[in-house]
């Protein structure tokens, strides 16, 4: 008489649930890494085009190392800047200002020009030198 049952308990480990967990962790870390890394726009290679660029008239505002402000190479005082920019840009569409700020100039000087542009709905482009 056989008292033992026919079901024999094996000591083997089933890996299917472990592989499911590993794949879920792998997917989690892949998604986490792609969302946490930020791309640096300076390292992008820009596409080229055969099209012609439009000639858009702009007004150049420059601030030198001595915090002197120039509009189109003419030195002006802070109280003269806003009325002169309004006069120069009143007949232009779009109203663009190219802001050239020397290295080491306090940020307040650039913000002063940007504030004038914001109040009068002018577009501001901050000019920089290309990396070498």
N, C-alpha and C. Protein backbone atom coordinates (compact mmCIF):
# COMPACT_ATOMS: atom_id res chain seq x y z
N UNK A 1 0.82 -1.16 0.00
CA UNK A 1 0.00 0.00 0.00
C UNK A 1 0.88 1.24 0.00
N UNK A 2 0.61 2.11 -0.93
CA UNK A 2 1.42 3.32 -1.12
C UNK A 2 0.71 4.49 -0.46
N UNK A 3 1.23 4.95 0.66
CA UNK A 3 0.61 6.03 1.42
C UNK A 3 1.04 7.39 0.86
N UNK A 4 2.19 7.46 0.30
CA UNK A 4 2.63 8.72 -0.28
C UNK A 4 1.76 9.08 -1.47
N UNK A 5 1.51 10.36 -1.62
CA UNK A 5 0.71 10.80 -2.75
C UNK A 5 1.54 10.86 -4.02
N UNK A 6 0.85 11.01 -5.07
CA UNK A 6 1.54 11.07 -6.35
C UNK A 6 2.15 12.45 -6.61
N UNK A 7 1.71 13.46 -5.88
CA UNK A 7 2.25 14.81 -6.06
C UNK A 7 3.54 14.93 -5.30
N UNK A 8 4.56 15.15 -6.06
CA UNK A 8 5.88 15.29 -5.43
C UNK A 8 6.26 16.76 -5.45
N UNK A 9 6.69 17.30 -4.34
CA UNK A 9 7.10 18.69 -4.22
C UNK A 9 8.52 18.81 -4.73
N UNK A 10 8.72 19.74 -5.66
CA UNK A 10 10.07 19.93 -6.19
C UNK A 10 10.66 21.19 -5.59
N UNK A 11 11.95 21.22 -5.50
CA UNK A 11 12.65 22.36 -4.93
C UNK A 11 13.15 23.32 -6.00
N UNK A 12 12.61 23.28 -7.19
CA UNK A 12 13.04 24.16 -8.28
C UNK A 12 12.40 25.54 -8.11
N UNK A 13 13.12 26.55 -8.61
CA UNK A 13 12.65 27.94 -8.53
C UNK A 13 12.10 28.35 -9.88
N UNK A 14 10.91 28.92 -9.90
CA UNK A 14 10.29 29.36 -11.15
C UNK A 14 10.73 30.80 -11.43
N UNK A 15 11.39 31.02 -12.57
CA UNK A 15 11.96 32.33 -12.89
C UNK A 15 11.00 33.24 -13.64
N UNK A 16 9.84 32.81 -14.01
CA UNK A 16 8.95 33.64 -14.84
C UNK A 16 8.50 34.89 -14.11
N UNK A 17 8.18 34.79 -12.83
CA UNK A 17 7.77 35.99 -12.11
C UNK A 17 8.96 36.93 -11.89
N UNK A 18 10.14 36.39 -11.73
CA UNK A 18 11.34 37.22 -11.56
C UNK A 18 11.66 37.97 -12.84
N UNK A 19 11.51 37.33 -13.98
CA UNK A 19 11.79 38.04 -15.25
C UNK A 19 10.77 39.13 -15.50
N UNK A 20 9.52 38.93 -15.11
CA UNK A 20 8.52 39.99 -15.24
C UNK A 20 8.91 41.22 -14.43
N UNK A 21 9.37 41.00 -13.22
CA UNK A 21 9.77 42.12 -12.36
C UNK A 21 10.99 42.82 -12.94
N UNK A 22 11.94 42.07 -13.47
CA UNK A 22 13.15 42.68 -14.04
C UNK A 22 12.80 43.52 -15.26
N UNK A 23 11.91 43.03 -16.13
CA UNK A 23 11.51 43.81 -17.29
C UNK A 23 10.74 45.07 -16.89
N UNK A 24 9.92 44.99 -15.89
CA UNK A 24 9.21 46.18 -15.42
C UNK A 24 10.18 47.22 -14.86
N UNK A 25 11.17 46.77 -14.11
CA UNK A 25 12.19 47.70 -13.59
C UNK A 25 13.00 48.31 -14.73
N UNK A 26 13.34 47.50 -15.71
CA UNK A 26 14.09 48.01 -16.85
C UNK A 26 13.30 49.09 -17.59
N UNK A 27 12.03 48.86 -17.84
CA UNK A 27 11.20 49.85 -18.51
C UNK A 27 11.08 51.11 -17.65
N UNK A 28 10.93 50.96 -16.35
CA UNK A 28 10.84 52.12 -15.46
C UNK A 28 12.10 52.97 -15.54
N UNK A 29 13.27 52.34 -15.47
CA UNK A 29 14.51 53.12 -15.49
C UNK A 29 14.77 53.74 -16.86
N UNK A 30 14.37 53.10 -17.92
CA UNK A 30 14.54 53.70 -19.25
C UNK A 30 13.67 54.95 -19.36
N UNK A 31 12.44 54.87 -18.93
CA UNK A 31 11.55 56.04 -18.98
C UNK A 31 12.05 57.13 -18.04
N UNK A 32 12.51 56.75 -16.86
CA UNK A 32 12.99 57.75 -15.91
C UNK A 32 14.22 58.47 -16.44
N UNK A 33 15.14 57.76 -17.07
CA UNK A 33 16.34 58.40 -17.60
C UNK A 33 16.04 59.33 -18.76
N UNK A 34 15.13 58.93 -19.63
CA UNK A 34 14.83 59.79 -20.78
C UNK A 34 14.08 61.05 -20.37
N UNK A 35 13.29 60.99 -19.32
CA UNK A 35 12.57 62.20 -18.90
C UNK A 35 13.42 63.09 -18.01
N UNK A 36 14.40 62.54 -17.33
CA UNK A 36 15.21 63.34 -16.41
C UNK A 36 16.37 64.04 -17.08
N UNK A 37 16.83 63.54 -18.21
CA UNK A 37 17.94 64.19 -18.89
C UNK A 37 17.41 65.36 -19.70
N UNK A 38 18.14 66.44 -19.70
CA UNK A 38 17.74 67.60 -20.49
C UNK A 38 18.70 67.75 -21.66
N UNK A 39 18.14 68.14 -22.79
CA UNK A 39 18.99 68.34 -23.95
C UNK A 39 19.53 69.76 -23.94
N UNK A 40 20.75 69.90 -24.39
CA UNK A 40 21.38 71.20 -24.45
C UNK A 40 21.24 71.72 -25.88
N UNK A 41 20.55 72.83 -26.02
CA UNK A 41 20.27 73.35 -27.35
C UNK A 41 21.53 73.80 -28.08
N UNK A 42 22.61 74.09 -27.37
CA UNK A 42 23.83 74.54 -28.01
C UNK A 42 24.54 73.42 -28.75
N UNK A 43 24.28 72.18 -28.41
CA UNK A 43 24.96 71.06 -29.04
C UNK A 43 24.21 70.50 -30.24
N UNK A 44 23.10 71.10 -30.62
CA UNK A 44 22.31 70.59 -31.73
C UNK A 44 22.91 71.02 -33.06
N UNK A 45 22.80 70.15 -34.04
CA UNK A 45 23.21 70.49 -35.39
C UNK A 45 21.96 70.97 -36.11
N UNK A 46 22.00 72.21 -36.57
CA UNK A 46 20.83 72.81 -37.20
C UNK A 46 20.76 72.44 -38.67
N UNK A 47 19.56 72.31 -39.20
CA UNK A 47 19.43 71.98 -40.62
C UNK A 47 19.81 73.16 -41.50
N UNK A 48 20.17 72.85 -42.73
CA UNK A 48 20.51 73.90 -43.68
C UNK A 48 19.36 74.08 -44.65
N UNK A 49 19.35 75.22 -45.30
CA UNK A 49 18.26 75.52 -46.22
C UNK A 49 18.81 76.30 -47.40
N UNK A 50 18.20 76.11 -48.56
CA UNK A 50 18.58 76.86 -49.74
C UNK A 50 17.74 78.12 -49.91
N UNK A 51 16.76 78.31 -49.03
CA UNK A 51 15.88 79.46 -49.12
C UNK A 51 16.59 80.75 -48.76
N UNK A 52 16.02 81.84 -49.19
CA UNK A 52 16.58 83.15 -48.89
C UNK A 52 16.05 83.64 -47.56
N UNK A 53 16.88 84.32 -46.82
CA UNK A 53 16.43 84.89 -45.56
C UNK A 53 15.86 86.28 -45.82
N UNK A 54 14.85 86.62 -45.06
CA UNK A 54 14.23 87.92 -45.19
C UNK A 54 15.10 88.97 -44.52
N UNK A 55 15.18 90.11 -45.12
CA UNK A 55 15.89 91.22 -44.52
C UNK A 55 14.92 91.96 -43.60
N UNK A 56 15.14 91.80 -42.31
CA UNK A 56 14.28 92.45 -41.33
C UNK A 56 15.08 93.58 -40.70
N UNK A 57 14.49 94.75 -40.71
CA UNK A 57 15.16 95.89 -40.10
C UNK A 57 15.09 95.77 -38.58
N UNK A 58 16.20 96.03 -37.94
CA UNK A 58 16.27 95.98 -36.49
C UNK A 58 16.95 97.23 -35.97
N UNK A 59 16.78 97.45 -34.70
CA UNK A 59 17.46 98.54 -34.01
C UNK A 59 18.45 97.88 -33.06
N UNK A 60 19.71 98.29 -33.13
CA UNK A 60 20.74 97.71 -32.27
C UNK A 60 20.89 98.56 -31.02
N UNK A 61 20.75 97.92 -29.86
CA UNK A 61 20.98 98.58 -28.58
C UNK A 61 22.19 97.89 -27.96
N UNK A 62 23.23 98.66 -27.66
CA UNK A 62 24.46 98.10 -27.12
C UNK A 62 24.77 98.71 -25.77
N UNK A 63 25.28 97.88 -24.87
CA UNK A 63 25.73 98.34 -23.56
C UNK A 63 27.18 97.92 -23.41
N UNK A 64 28.07 98.91 -23.22
CA UNK A 64 29.49 98.57 -23.14
C UNK A 64 29.92 98.32 -21.69
N UNK A 65 31.21 98.07 -21.50
CA UNK A 65 31.75 97.74 -20.19
C UNK A 65 31.56 98.84 -19.16
N UNK A 66 31.44 100.09 -19.61
CA UNK A 66 31.27 101.23 -18.72
C UNK A 66 29.79 101.56 -18.48
N UNK A 67 28.88 100.64 -18.83
CA UNK A 67 27.44 100.79 -18.69
C UNK A 67 26.88 101.96 -19.51
N UNK A 68 27.55 102.31 -20.58
CA UNK A 68 27.04 103.33 -21.49
C UNK A 68 26.15 102.63 -22.52
N UNK A 69 25.01 103.25 -22.82
CA UNK A 69 24.04 102.65 -23.72
C UNK A 69 24.10 103.37 -25.07
N UNK A 70 24.17 102.55 -26.13
CA UNK A 70 24.23 103.08 -27.48
C UNK A 70 23.04 102.53 -28.27
N UNK A 71 22.41 103.41 -29.05
CA UNK A 71 21.35 102.99 -29.96
C UNK A 71 21.86 103.27 -31.37
N UNK A 72 22.05 102.19 -32.13
CA UNK A 72 22.64 102.30 -33.48
C UNK A 72 23.91 103.14 -33.47
N UNK A 73 24.81 102.86 -32.55
CA UNK A 73 26.14 103.47 -32.39
C UNK A 73 26.10 104.91 -31.93
N UNK A 74 24.95 105.41 -31.47
CA UNK A 74 24.86 106.76 -30.90
C UNK A 74 24.62 106.62 -29.40
N UNK A 75 25.49 107.24 -28.61
CA UNK A 75 25.36 107.14 -27.16
C UNK A 75 24.17 107.95 -26.69
N UNK A 76 23.36 107.34 -25.82
CA UNK A 76 22.17 107.99 -25.28
C UNK A 76 22.11 107.78 -23.78
N UNK A 77 21.41 108.69 -23.10
CA UNK A 77 21.17 108.55 -21.68
C UNK A 77 19.97 107.65 -21.43
N UNK A 78 19.81 107.18 -20.19
CA UNK A 78 18.72 106.25 -19.89
C UNK A 78 17.35 106.89 -20.10
N UNK A 79 17.22 108.19 -19.87
CA UNK A 79 15.93 108.84 -20.05
C UNK A 79 15.57 109.04 -21.52
N UNK A 80 16.55 108.96 -22.43
CA UNK A 80 16.30 109.17 -23.86
C UNK A 80 15.98 107.87 -24.60
N UNK A 81 16.21 106.74 -23.98
CA UNK A 81 16.15 105.47 -24.71
C UNK A 81 14.72 105.10 -25.12
N UNK A 82 13.78 105.13 -24.18
CA UNK A 82 12.42 104.68 -24.50
C UNK A 82 11.77 105.53 -25.58
N UNK A 83 11.79 106.88 -25.48
CA UNK A 83 11.16 107.66 -26.56
C UNK A 83 11.84 107.45 -27.92
N UNK A 84 13.17 107.29 -27.92
CA UNK A 84 13.88 107.09 -29.18
C UNK A 84 13.54 105.73 -29.80
N UNK A 85 13.45 104.69 -28.98
CA UNK A 85 13.08 103.38 -29.50
C UNK A 85 11.66 103.38 -30.06
N UNK A 86 10.76 104.05 -29.38
CA UNK A 86 9.38 104.14 -29.88
C UNK A 86 9.35 104.86 -31.23
N UNK A 87 10.14 105.93 -31.34
CA UNK A 87 10.18 106.69 -32.59
C UNK A 87 10.80 105.86 -33.72
N UNK A 88 11.89 105.14 -33.43
CA UNK A 88 12.57 104.36 -34.47
C UNK A 88 11.74 103.16 -34.94
N UNK A 89 10.96 102.58 -34.05
CA UNK A 89 10.24 101.35 -34.37
C UNK A 89 8.76 101.55 -34.68
N UNK A 90 8.28 102.80 -34.71
CA UNK A 90 6.85 103.01 -34.89
C UNK A 90 6.35 102.56 -36.26
N UNK A 91 7.15 102.65 -37.30
CA UNK A 91 6.71 102.29 -38.65
C UNK A 91 7.23 100.93 -39.10
N UNK A 92 7.85 100.17 -38.21
CA UNK A 92 8.41 98.87 -38.59
C UNK A 92 7.52 97.74 -38.11
N UNK A 93 7.42 96.71 -38.91
CA UNK A 93 6.74 95.47 -38.51
C UNK A 93 7.62 94.33 -38.93
N UNK A 94 8.00 93.46 -38.16
CA UNK A 94 7.89 93.40 -36.70
C UNK A 94 8.88 94.35 -36.05
N UNK A 95 8.61 94.70 -34.83
CA UNK A 95 9.44 95.66 -34.09
C UNK A 95 10.51 94.88 -33.33
N UNK A 96 11.72 94.83 -33.92
CA UNK A 96 12.80 94.01 -33.37
C UNK A 96 13.93 94.87 -32.83
N UNK A 97 14.44 94.45 -31.69
CA UNK A 97 15.60 95.08 -31.07
C UNK A 97 16.66 93.99 -30.88
N UNK A 98 17.88 94.27 -31.31
CA UNK A 98 19.00 93.38 -31.06
C UNK A 98 19.79 93.98 -29.90
N UNK A 99 19.88 93.24 -28.81
CA UNK A 99 20.52 93.72 -27.59
C UNK A 99 21.92 93.13 -27.49
N UNK A 100 22.94 94.00 -27.57
CA UNK A 100 24.33 93.60 -27.43
C UNK A 100 24.83 94.07 -26.07
N UNK A 101 25.17 93.13 -25.22
CA UNK A 101 25.64 93.47 -23.88
C UNK A 101 27.04 92.92 -23.72
N UNK A 102 27.96 93.79 -23.30
CA UNK A 102 29.34 93.36 -23.09
C UNK A 102 29.43 92.41 -21.91
N UNK A 103 30.42 91.55 -21.96
CA UNK A 103 30.63 90.59 -20.88
C UNK A 103 31.00 91.34 -19.61
N UNK A 104 30.37 90.96 -18.51
CA UNK A 104 30.67 91.58 -17.22
C UNK A 104 29.75 92.72 -16.85
N UNK A 105 28.85 93.11 -17.74
CA UNK A 105 27.89 94.18 -17.44
C UNK A 105 26.83 93.62 -16.49
N UNK A 106 26.46 94.36 -15.44
CA UNK A 106 25.42 93.87 -14.54
C UNK A 106 24.11 93.58 -15.29
N UNK A 107 23.43 92.54 -14.87
CA UNK A 107 22.21 92.11 -15.55
C UNK A 107 21.11 93.16 -15.48
N UNK A 108 21.17 94.04 -14.50
CA UNK A 108 20.16 95.08 -14.37
C UNK A 108 20.11 95.99 -15.58
N UNK A 109 21.27 96.22 -16.20
CA UNK A 109 21.33 97.09 -17.37
C UNK A 109 20.57 96.44 -18.55
N UNK A 110 20.75 95.15 -18.73
CA UNK A 110 20.04 94.45 -19.81
C UNK A 110 18.55 94.37 -19.51
N UNK A 111 18.20 94.16 -18.25
CA UNK A 111 16.80 94.08 -17.86
C UNK A 111 16.10 95.42 -18.07
N UNK A 112 16.82 96.52 -17.91
CA UNK A 112 16.25 97.85 -18.15
C UNK A 112 15.76 97.95 -19.60
N UNK A 113 16.57 97.50 -20.55
CA UNK A 113 16.19 97.54 -21.97
C UNK A 113 15.05 96.55 -22.24
N UNK A 114 15.14 95.36 -21.64
CA UNK A 114 14.09 94.36 -21.83
C UNK A 114 12.75 94.83 -21.28
N UNK A 115 12.79 95.58 -20.18
CA UNK A 115 11.55 96.12 -19.61
C UNK A 115 10.91 97.14 -20.54
N UNK A 116 11.73 97.99 -21.15
CA UNK A 116 11.21 98.96 -22.13
C UNK A 116 10.57 98.21 -23.30
N UNK A 117 11.23 97.15 -23.76
CA UNK A 117 10.70 96.37 -24.88
C UNK A 117 9.39 95.67 -24.50
N UNK A 118 9.31 95.18 -23.28
CA UNK A 118 8.10 94.50 -22.83
C UNK A 118 6.92 95.48 -22.75
N UNK A 119 7.17 96.66 -22.20
CA UNK A 119 6.10 97.65 -22.08
C UNK A 119 5.56 98.09 -23.44
N UNK A 120 6.41 98.10 -24.46
CA UNK A 120 6.01 98.60 -25.77
C UNK A 120 5.81 97.49 -26.81
N UNK A 121 5.79 96.24 -26.37
CA UNK A 121 5.58 95.09 -27.25
C UNK A 121 6.62 95.00 -28.36
N UNK A 122 7.88 95.24 -28.02
CA UNK A 122 8.98 95.06 -28.96
C UNK A 122 9.54 93.65 -28.78
N UNK A 123 10.08 93.08 -29.86
CA UNK A 123 10.77 91.80 -29.78
C UNK A 123 12.25 92.05 -29.47
N UNK A 124 12.80 91.30 -28.53
CA UNK A 124 14.21 91.47 -28.15
C UNK A 124 14.96 90.20 -28.47
N UNK A 125 16.10 90.37 -29.13
CA UNK A 125 17.01 89.26 -29.39
C UNK A 125 18.33 89.61 -28.72
N UNK A 126 18.79 88.72 -27.86
CA UNK A 126 20.04 88.93 -27.16
C UNK A 126 21.17 88.39 -28.03
N UNK A 127 22.07 89.24 -28.45
CA UNK A 127 23.17 88.83 -29.32
C UNK A 127 24.27 88.20 -28.49
N UNK A 128 24.81 87.10 -29.00
CA UNK A 128 25.93 86.42 -28.35
C UNK A 128 26.97 86.09 -29.40
N UNK A 129 28.18 85.83 -28.94
CA UNK A 129 29.23 85.39 -29.85
C UNK A 129 29.18 83.87 -29.94
N UNK A 130 29.41 83.31 -31.11
CA UNK A 130 29.36 81.85 -31.24
C UNK A 130 30.52 81.20 -30.50
N UNK A 131 30.28 79.96 -30.03
CA UNK A 131 31.33 79.19 -29.39
C UNK A 131 32.39 78.83 -30.41
N UNK A 132 33.63 78.76 -29.95
CA UNK A 132 34.70 78.40 -30.88
C UNK A 132 35.34 77.11 -30.46
